[in-house]
Amino acid sequence: MIAYLGLALGFLRCAMGVFVGYASPDMESRVALSRRYFGSFTSGQAIDQGMKFIVIAVALGVLCEISARKSKAGE
């Protein structure tokens, strides 16, 4: 459940970063929007953070699946 939530939040952060990057007309507005909505300096940093969320969520999901299969095999 936590892995799915992290995956969804990572995709949302990446999508919002791409939207801010393409929707704003100039660099000053990109920086202002990024600081306002992401707390980062650029939309690229927000996309990087979203990708980190996705990688961590996938790794957590894989570890949980391995753990569940090992516990079922031990019963």
PDB file of N, CA and C in Angstrom:
ATOM      1  N   MET A   1       0.814  -1.185   0.000  1.00  0.00           N
ATOM      2  CA  MET A   1       0.000   0.000   0.000  1.00  0.00           C
ATOM      3  C   MET A   1       0.867   1.263   0.000  1.00  0.00           C
ATOM      4  N   ILE A   2       1.899   1.271   0.815  1.00  0.00           N
ATOM      5  CA  ILE A   2       2.789   2.433   0.876  1.00  0.00           C
ATOM      6  C   ILE A   2       3.561   2.581  -0.432  1.00  0.00           C
ATOM      7  N   ALA A   3       3.919   1.443  -1.034  1.00  0.00           N
ATOM      8  CA  ALA A   3       4.641   1.498  -2.304  1.00  0.00           C
ATOM      9  C   ALA A   3       3.760   2.099  -3.398  1.00  0.00           C
ATOM     10  N   TYR A   4       2.486   1.748  -3.415  1.00  0.00           N
ATOM     11  CA  TYR A   4       1.570   2.321  -4.406  1.00  0.00           C
ATOM     12  C   TYR A   4       1.387   3.818  -4.191  1.00  0.00           C
ATOM     13  N   LEU A   5       1.301   4.228  -2.953  1.00  0.00           N
ATOM     14  CA  LEU A   5       1.163   5.647  -2.638  1.00  0.00           C
ATOM     15  C   LEU A   5       2.411   6.422  -3.074  1.00  0.00           C
ATOM     16  N   GLY A   6       3.591   5.867  -2.790  1.00  0.00           N
ATOM     17  CA  GLY A   6       4.832   6.507  -3.227  1.00  0.00           C
ATOM     18  C   GLY A   6       4.939   6.585  -4.735  1.00  0.00           C
ATOM     19  N   LEU A   7       4.474   5.545  -5.414  1.00  0.00           N
ATOM     20  CA  LEU A   7       4.497   5.531  -6.872  1.00  0.00           C
ATOM     21  C   LEU A   7       3.568   6.606  -7.436  1.00  0.00           C
ATOM     22  N   ALA A   8       2.379   6.702  -6.870  1.00  0.00           N
ATOM     23  CA  ALA A   8       1.428   7.710  -7.335  1.00  0.00           C
ATOM     24  C   ALA A   8       1.947   9.124  -7.077  1.00  0.00           C
ATOM     25  N   LEU A   9       2.518   9.354  -5.909  1.00  0.00           N
ATOM     26  CA  LEU A   9       3.051  10.684  -5.597  1.00  0.00           C
ATOM     27  C   LEU A   9       4.247  11.032  -6.485  1.00  0.00           C
ATOM     28  N   GLY A  10       5.066  10.034  -6.799  1.00  0.00           N
ATOM     29  CA  GLY A  10       6.194  10.269  -7.692  1.00  0.00           C
ATOM     30  C   GLY A  10       5.747  10.652  -9.089  1.00  0.00           C
ATOM     31  N   PHE A  11       4.743   9.930  -9.612  1.00  0.00           N
ATOM     32  CA  PHE A  11       4.222  10.263 -10.938  1.00  0.00           C
ATOM     33  C   PHE A  11       3.553  11.637 -10.936  1.00  0.00           C
ATOM     34  N   LEU A  12       2.849  11.951  -9.868  1.00  0.00           N
ATOM     35  CA  LEU A  12       2.196  13.250  -9.774  1.00  0.00           C
ATOM     36  C   LEU A  12       3.227  14.378  -9.746  1.00  0.00           C
ATOM     37  N   ARG A  13       4.293  14.196  -8.989  1.00  0.00           N
ATOM     38  CA  ARG A  13       5.332  15.230  -8.899  1.00  0.00           C
ATOM     39  C   ARG A  13       6.041  15.405 -10.241  1.00  0.00           C
ATOM     40  N   CYS A  14       6.314  14.301 -10.926  1.00  0.00           N
ATOM     41  CA  CYS A  14       6.939  14.401 -12.251  1.00  0.00           C
ATOM     42  C   CYS A  14       6.020  15.104 -13.244  1.00  0.00           C
ATOM     43  N   ALA A  15       4.750  14.733 -13.229  1.00  0.00           N
ATOM     44  CA  ALA A  15       3.801  15.349 -14.156  1.00  0.00           C
ATOM     45  C   ALA A  15       3.645  16.838 -13.886  1.00  0.00           C
ATOM     46  N   MET A  16       3.586  17.211 -12.620  1.00  0.00           N
ATOM     47  CA  MET A  16       3.466  18.626 -12.285  1.00  0.00           C
ATOM     48  C   MET A  16       4.731  19.393 -12.674  1.00  0.00           C
ATOM     49  N   GLY A  17       5.898  18.753 -12.514  1.00  0.00           N
ATOM     50  CA  GLY A  17       7.142  19.402 -12.913  1.00  0.00           C
ATOM     51  C   GLY A  17       7.204  19.646 -14.402  1.00  0.00           C
ATOM     52  N   VAL A  18       6.758  18.662 -15.179  1.00  0.00           N
ATOM     53  CA  VAL A  18       6.727  18.826 -16.639  1.00  0.00           C
ATOM     54  C   VAL A  18       5.721  19.906 -17.020  1.00  0.00           C
ATOM     55  N   PHE A  19       4.567  19.906 -16.360  1.00  0.00           N
ATOM     56  CA  PHE A  19       3.558  20.921 -16.662  1.00  0.00           C
ATOM     57  C   PHE A  19       4.077  22.329 -16.376  1.00  0.00           C
ATOM     58  N   VAL A  20       4.709  22.518 -15.239  1.00  0.00           N
ATOM     59  CA  VAL A  20       5.253  23.835 -14.897  1.00  0.00           C
ATOM     60  C   VAL A  20       6.349  24.218 -15.884  1.00  0.00           C
ATOM     61  N   GLY A  21       7.151  23.245 -16.300  1.00  0.00           N
ATOM     62  CA  GLY A  21       8.220  23.535 -17.247  1.00  0.00           C
ATOM     63  C   GLY A  21       7.719  23.984 -18.605  1.00  0.00           C
ATOM     64  N   TYR A  22       6.615  23.400 -19.060  1.00  0.00           N
ATOM     65  CA  TYR A  22       6.093  23.751 -20.377  1.00  0.00           C
ATOM     66  C   TYR A  22       5.046  24.857 -20.349  1.00  0.00           C
ATOM     67  N   ALA A  23       4.334  25.019 -19.247  1.00  0.00           N
ATOM     68  CA  ALA A  23       3.229  25.974 -19.209  1.00  0.00           C
ATOM     69  C   ALA A  23       3.672  27.407 -18.942  1.00  0.00           C
ATOM     70  N   SER A  24       4.812  27.585 -18.315  1.00  0.00           N
ATOM     71  CA  SER A  24       5.233  28.948 -17.984  1.00  0.00           C
ATOM     72  C   SER A  24       6.013  29.555 -19.150  1.00  0.00           C
ATOM     73  N   PRO A  25       5.750  30.817 -19.443  1.00  0.00           N
ATOM     74  CA  PRO A  25       6.334  31.427 -20.635  1.00  0.00           C
ATOM     75  C   PRO A  25       7.806  31.820 -20.513  1.00  0.00           C
ATOM     76  N   ASP A  26       8.274  32.147 -19.307  1.00  0.00           N
ATOM     77  CA  ASP A  26       9.668  32.571 -19.182  1.00  0.00           C
ATOM     78  C   ASP A  26      10.296  31.948 -17.932  1.00  0.00           C
ATOM     79  N   MET A  27      11.599  32.138 -17.792  1.00  0.00           N
ATOM     80  CA  MET A  27      12.347  31.491 -16.718  1.00  0.00           C
ATOM     81  C   MET A  27      11.965  32.024 -15.332  1.00  0.00           C
ATOM     82  N   GLU A  28      11.687  33.307 -15.237  1.00  0.00           N
ATOM     83  CA  GLU A  28      11.336  33.861 -13.929  1.00  0.00           C
ATOM     84  C   GLU A  28      10.032  33.261 -13.398  1.00  0.00           C
ATOM     85  N   SER A  29       9.071  33.091 -14.282  1.00  0.00           N
ATOM     86  CA  SER A  29       7.802  32.500 -13.833  1.00  0.00           C
ATOM     87  C   SER A  29       7.974  31.022 -13.502  1.00  0.00           C
ATOM     88  N   ARG A  30       8.846  30.320 -14.220  1.00  0.00           N
ATOM     89  CA  ARG A  30       9.130  28.917 -13.889  1.00  0.00           C
ATOM     90  C   ARG A  30       9.723  28.798 -12.496  1.00  0.00           C
ATOM     91  N   VAL A  31      10.685  29.657 -12.197  1.00  0.00           N
ATOM     92  CA  VAL A  31      11.317  29.627 -10.875  1.00  0.00           C
ATOM     93  C   VAL A  31      10.300  29.975  -9.796  1.00  0.00           C
ATOM     94  N   ALA A  32       9.464  30.973 -10.047  1.00  0.00           N
ATOM     95  CA  ALA A  32       8.459  31.368  -9.057  1.00  0.00           C
ATOM     96  C   ALA A  32       7.447  30.250  -8.822  1.00  0.00           C
ATOM     97  N   LEU A  33       6.973  29.622  -9.891  1.00  0.00           N
ATOM     98  CA  LEU A  33       6.016  28.521  -9.742  1.00  0.00           C
ATOM     99  C   LEU A  33       6.651  27.312  -9.065  1.00  0.00           C
ATOM    100  N   SER A  34       7.893  27.021  -9.403  1.00  0.00           N
ATOM    101  CA  SER A  34       8.580  25.884  -8.782  1.00  0.00           C
ATOM    102  C   SER A  34       8.775  26.102  -7.299  1.00  0.00           C
ATOM    103  N   ARG A  35       9.162  27.311  -6.927  1.00  0.00           N
ATOM    104  CA  ARG A  35       9.331  27.604  -5.495  1.00  0.00           C
ATOM    105  C   ARG A  35       7.991  27.556  -4.763  1.00  0.00           C
ATOM    106  N   ARG A  36       6.947  28.014  -5.424  1.00  0.00           N
ATOM    107  CA  ARG A  36       5.634  28.062  -4.785  1.00  0.00           C
ATOM    108  C   ARG A  36       5.036  26.670  -4.594  1.00  0.00           C
ATOM    109  N   TYR A  37       5.084  25.828  -5.623  1.00  0.00           N
ATOM    110  CA  TYR A  37       4.392  24.549  -5.564  1.00  0.00           C
ATOM    111  C   TYR A  37       5.274  23.374  -5.158  1.00  0.00           C
ATOM    112  N   PHE A  38       6.574  23.454  -5.386  1.00  0.00           N
ATOM    113  CA  PHE A  38       7.449  22.312  -5.107  1.00  0.00           C
ATOM    114  C   PHE A  38       8.418  22.541  -3.961  1.00  0.00           C
ATOM    115  N   GLY A  39       8.758  23.767  -3.695  1.00  0.00           N
ATOM    116  CA  GLY A  39       9.783  24.039  -2.701  1.00  0.00           C
ATOM    117  C   GLY A  39      11.183  23.809  -3.242  1.00  0.00           C
ATOM    118  N   SER A  40      11.300  23.711  -4.553  1.00  0.00           N
ATOM    119  CA  SER A  40      12.608  23.540  -5.183  1.00  0.00           C
ATOM    120  C   SER A  40      12.864  24.726  -6.107  1.00  0.00           C
ATOM    121  N   PHE A  41      14.099  24.844  -6.554  1.00  0.00           N
ATOM    122  CA  PHE A  41      14.477  26.020  -7.341  1.00  0.00           C
ATOM    123  C   PHE A  41      13.961  25.939  -8.774  1.00  0.00           C
ATOM    124  N   THR A  42      13.990  24.753  -9.368  1.00  0.00           N
ATOM    125  CA  THR A  42      13.540  24.603 -10.749  1.00  0.00           C
ATOM    126  C   THR A  42      12.561  23.441 -10.863  1.00  0.00           C
ATOM    127  N   SER A  43      11.877  23.394 -11.989  1.00  0.00           N
ATOM    128  CA  SER A  43      10.964  22.277 -12.225  1.00  0.00           C
ATOM    129  C   SER A  43      11.755  20.994 -12.490  1.00  0.00           C
ATOM    130  N   GLY A  44      12.970  21.119 -12.966  1.00  0.00           N
ATOM    131  CA  GLY A  44      13.818  19.944 -13.177  1.00  0.00           C
ATOM    132  C   GLY A  44      14.153  19.241 -11.871  1.00  0.00           C
ATOM    133  N   GLN A  45      14.382  20.010 -10.825  1.00  0.00           N
ATOM    134  CA  GLN A  45      14.627  19.405  -9.513  1.00  0.00           C
ATOM    135  C   GLN A  45      13.394  18.673  -9.006  1.00  0.00           C
ATOM    136  N   ALA A  46      12.211  19.213  -9.274  1.00  0.00           N
ATOM    137  CA  ALA A  46      10.975  18.544  -8.875  1.00  0.00           C
ATOM    138  C   ALA A  46      10.809  17.228  -9.635  1.00  0.00           C
ATOM    139  N   ILE A  47      11.165  17.219 -10.905  1.00  0.00           N
ATOM    140  CA  ILE A  47      11.086  15.983 -11.698  1.00  0.00           C
ATOM    141  C   ILE A  47      12.082  14.963 -11.160  1.00  0.00           C
ATOM    142  N   ASP A  48      13.278  15.405 -10.815  1.00  0.00           N
ATOM    143  CA  ASP A  48      14.271  14.493 -10.236  1.00  0.00           C
ATOM    144  C   ASP A  48      13.780  13.895  -8.927  1.00  0.00           C
ATOM    145  N   GLN A  49      13.171  14.709  -8.084  1.00  0.00           N
ATOM    146  CA  GLN A  49      12.637  14.203  -6.821  1.00  0.00           C
ATOM    147  C   GLN A  49      11.503  13.216  -7.062  1.00  0.00           C
ATOM    148  N   GLY A  50      10.678  13.484  -8.057  1.00  0.00           N
ATOM    149  CA  GLY A  50       9.604  12.543  -8.403  1.00  0.00           C
ATOM    150  C   GLY A  50      10.148  11.214  -8.881  1.00  0.00           C
ATOM    151  N   MET A  51      11.220  11.258  -9.666  1.00  0.00           N
ATOM    152  CA  MET A  51      11.842  10.013 -10.132  1.00  0.00           C
ATOM    153  C   MET A  51      12.433   9.228  -8.963  1.00  0.00           C
ATOM    154  N   LYS A  52      12.989   9.934  -7.986  1.00  0.00           N
ATOM    155  CA  LYS A  52      13.501   9.251  -6.789  1.00  0.00           C
ATOM    156  C   LYS A  52      12.377   8.569  -6.029  1.00  0.00           C
ATOM    157  N   PHE A  53      11.228   9.244  -5.920  1.00  0.00           N
ATOM    158  CA  PHE A  53      10.058   8.637  -5.283  1.00  0.00           C
ATOM    159  C   PHE A  53       9.668   7.356  -6.010  1.00  0.00           C
ATOM    160  N   ILE A  54       9.657   7.394  -7.330  1.00  0.00           N
ATOM    161  CA  ILE A  54       9.249   6.236  -8.124  1.00  0.00           C
ATOM    162  C   ILE A  54      10.209   5.076  -7.917  1.00  0.00           C
ATOM    163  N   VAL A  55      11.509   5.341  -7.963  1.00  0.00           N
ATOM    164  CA  VAL A  55      12.506   4.273  -7.789  1.00  0.00           C
ATOM    165  C   VAL A  55      12.410   3.662  -6.396  1.00  0.00           C
ATOM    166  N   ILE A  56      12.276   4.485  -5.385  1.00  0.00           N
ATOM    167  CA  ILE A  56      12.164   3.974  -4.014  1.00  0.00           C
ATOM    168  C   ILE A  56      10.882   3.172  -3.838  1.00  0.00           C
ATOM    169  N   ALA A  57       9.782   3.632  -4.436  1.00  0.00           N
ATOM    170  CA  ALA A  57       8.513   2.910  -4.321  1.00  0.00           C
ATOM    171  C   ALA A  57       8.586   1.548  -5.008  1.00  0.00           C
ATOM    172  N   VAL A  58       9.230   1.487  -6.166  1.00  0.00           N
ATOM    173  CA  VAL A  58       9.375   0.202  -6.862  1.00  0.00           C
ATOM    174  C   VAL A  58      10.248  -0.744  -6.050  1.00  0.00           C
ATOM    175  N   ALA A  59      11.337  -0.241  -5.500  1.00  0.00           N
ATOM    176  CA  ALA A  59      12.211  -1.086  -4.683  1.00  0.00           C
ATOM    177  C   ALA A  59      11.484  -1.589  -3.439  1.00  0.00           C
ATOM    178  N   LEU A  60      10.702  -0.725  -2.802  1.00  0.00           N
ATOM    179  CA  LEU A  60       9.935  -1.127  -1.632  1.00  0.00           C
ATOM    180  C   LEU A  60       8.887  -2.178  -2.001  1.00  0.00           C
ATOM    181  N   GLY A  61       8.228  -2.005  -3.123  1.00  0.00           N
ATOM    182  CA  GLY A  61       7.249  -2.983  -3.578  1.00  0.00           C
ATOM    183  C   GLY A  61       7.870  -4.342  -3.863  1.00  0.00           C
ATOM    184  N   VAL A  62       9.033  -4.343  -4.493  1.00  0.00           N
ATOM    185  CA  VAL A  62       9.730  -5.606  -4.780  1.00  0.00           C
ATOM    186  C   VAL A  62      10.134  -6.293  -3.485  1.00  0.00           C
ATOM    187  N   LEU A  63      10.658  -5.537  -2.535  1.00  0.00           N
ATOM    188  CA  LEU A  63      11.043  -6.130  -1.259  1.00  0.00           C
ATOM    189  C   LEU A  63       9.845  -6.699  -0.506  1.00  0.00           C
ATOM    190  N   CYS A  64       8.719  -6.018  -0.573  1.00  0.00           N
ATOM    191  CA  CYS A  64       7.512  -6.530   0.088  1.00  0.00           C
ATOM    192  C   CYS A  64       7.012  -7.805  -0.577  1.00  0.00           C
ATOM    193  N   GLU A  65       7.087  -7.882  -1.893  1.00  0.00           N
ATOM    194  CA  GLU A  65       6.681  -9.099  -2.597  1.00  0.00           C
ATOM    195  C   GLU A  65       7.600 -10.270  -2.250  1.00  0.00           C
ATOM    196  N   ILE A  66       8.888 -10.015  -2.181  1.00  0.00           N
ATOM    197  CA  ILE A  66       9.833 -11.071  -1.805  1.00  0.00           C
ATOM    198  C   ILE A  66       9.553 -11.560  -0.392  1.00  0.00           C
ATOM    199  N   SER A  67       9.303 -10.625   0.517  1.00  0.00           N
ATOM    200  CA  SER A  67       9.013 -10.970   1.890  1.00  0.00           C
ATOM    201  C   SER A  67       7.722 -11.780   2.000  1.00  0.00           C
ATOM    202  N   ALA A  68       6.703 -11.403   1.268  1.00  0.00           N
ATOM    203  CA  ALA A  68       5.431 -12.121   1.307  1.00  0.00           C
ATOM    204  C   ALA A  68       5.585 -13.537   0.763  1.00  0.00           C
ATOM    205  N   ARG A  69       6.330 -13.707  -0.297  1.00  0.00           N
ATOM    206  CA  ARG A  69       6.523 -15.049  -0.862  1.00  0.00           C
ATOM    207  C   ARG A  69       7.348 -15.937   0.046  1.00  0.00           C
ATOM    208  N   LYS A  70       8.348 -15.351   0.722  1.00  0.00           N
ATOM    209  CA  LYS A  70       9.160 -16.146   1.651  1.00  0.00           C
ATOM    210  C   LYS A  70       8.343 -16.575   2.862  1.00  0.00           C
ATOM    211  N   SER A  71       7.473 -15.690   3.330  1.00  0.00           N
ATOM    212  CA  SER A  71       6.670 -16.065   4.507  1.00  0.00           C
ATOM    213  C   SER A  71       5.626 -17.128   4.132  1.00  0.00           C
ATOM    214  N   LYS A  72       5.093 -17.095   2.913  1.00  0.00           N
ATOM    215  CA  LYS A  72       4.155 -18.128   2.474  1.00  0.00           C
ATOM    216  C   LYS A  72       4.854 -19.471   2.276  1.00  0.00           C
ATOM    217  N   ALA A  73       6.107 -19.432   1.822  1.00  0.00           N
ATOM    218  CA  ALA A  73       6.841 -20.679   1.594  1.00  0.00           C
ATOM    219  C   ALA A  73       7.229 -21.331   2.928  1.00  0.00           C
ATOM    220  N   GLY A  74       7.377 -20.537   3.982  1.00  0.00           N
ATOM    221  CA  GLY A  74       7.766 -21.054   5.284  1.00  0.00           C
ATOM    222  C   GLY A  74       6.623 -21.638   6.083  1.00  0.00           C
ATOM    223  N   GLU A  75       5.416 -21.420   5.678  1.00  0.00           N
ATOM    224  CA  GLU A  75       4.258 -21.932   6.442  1.00  0.00           C
ATOM    225  C   GLU A  75       4.057 -23.389   6.289  1.00  0.00           C
TER     226      GLU A  75
END
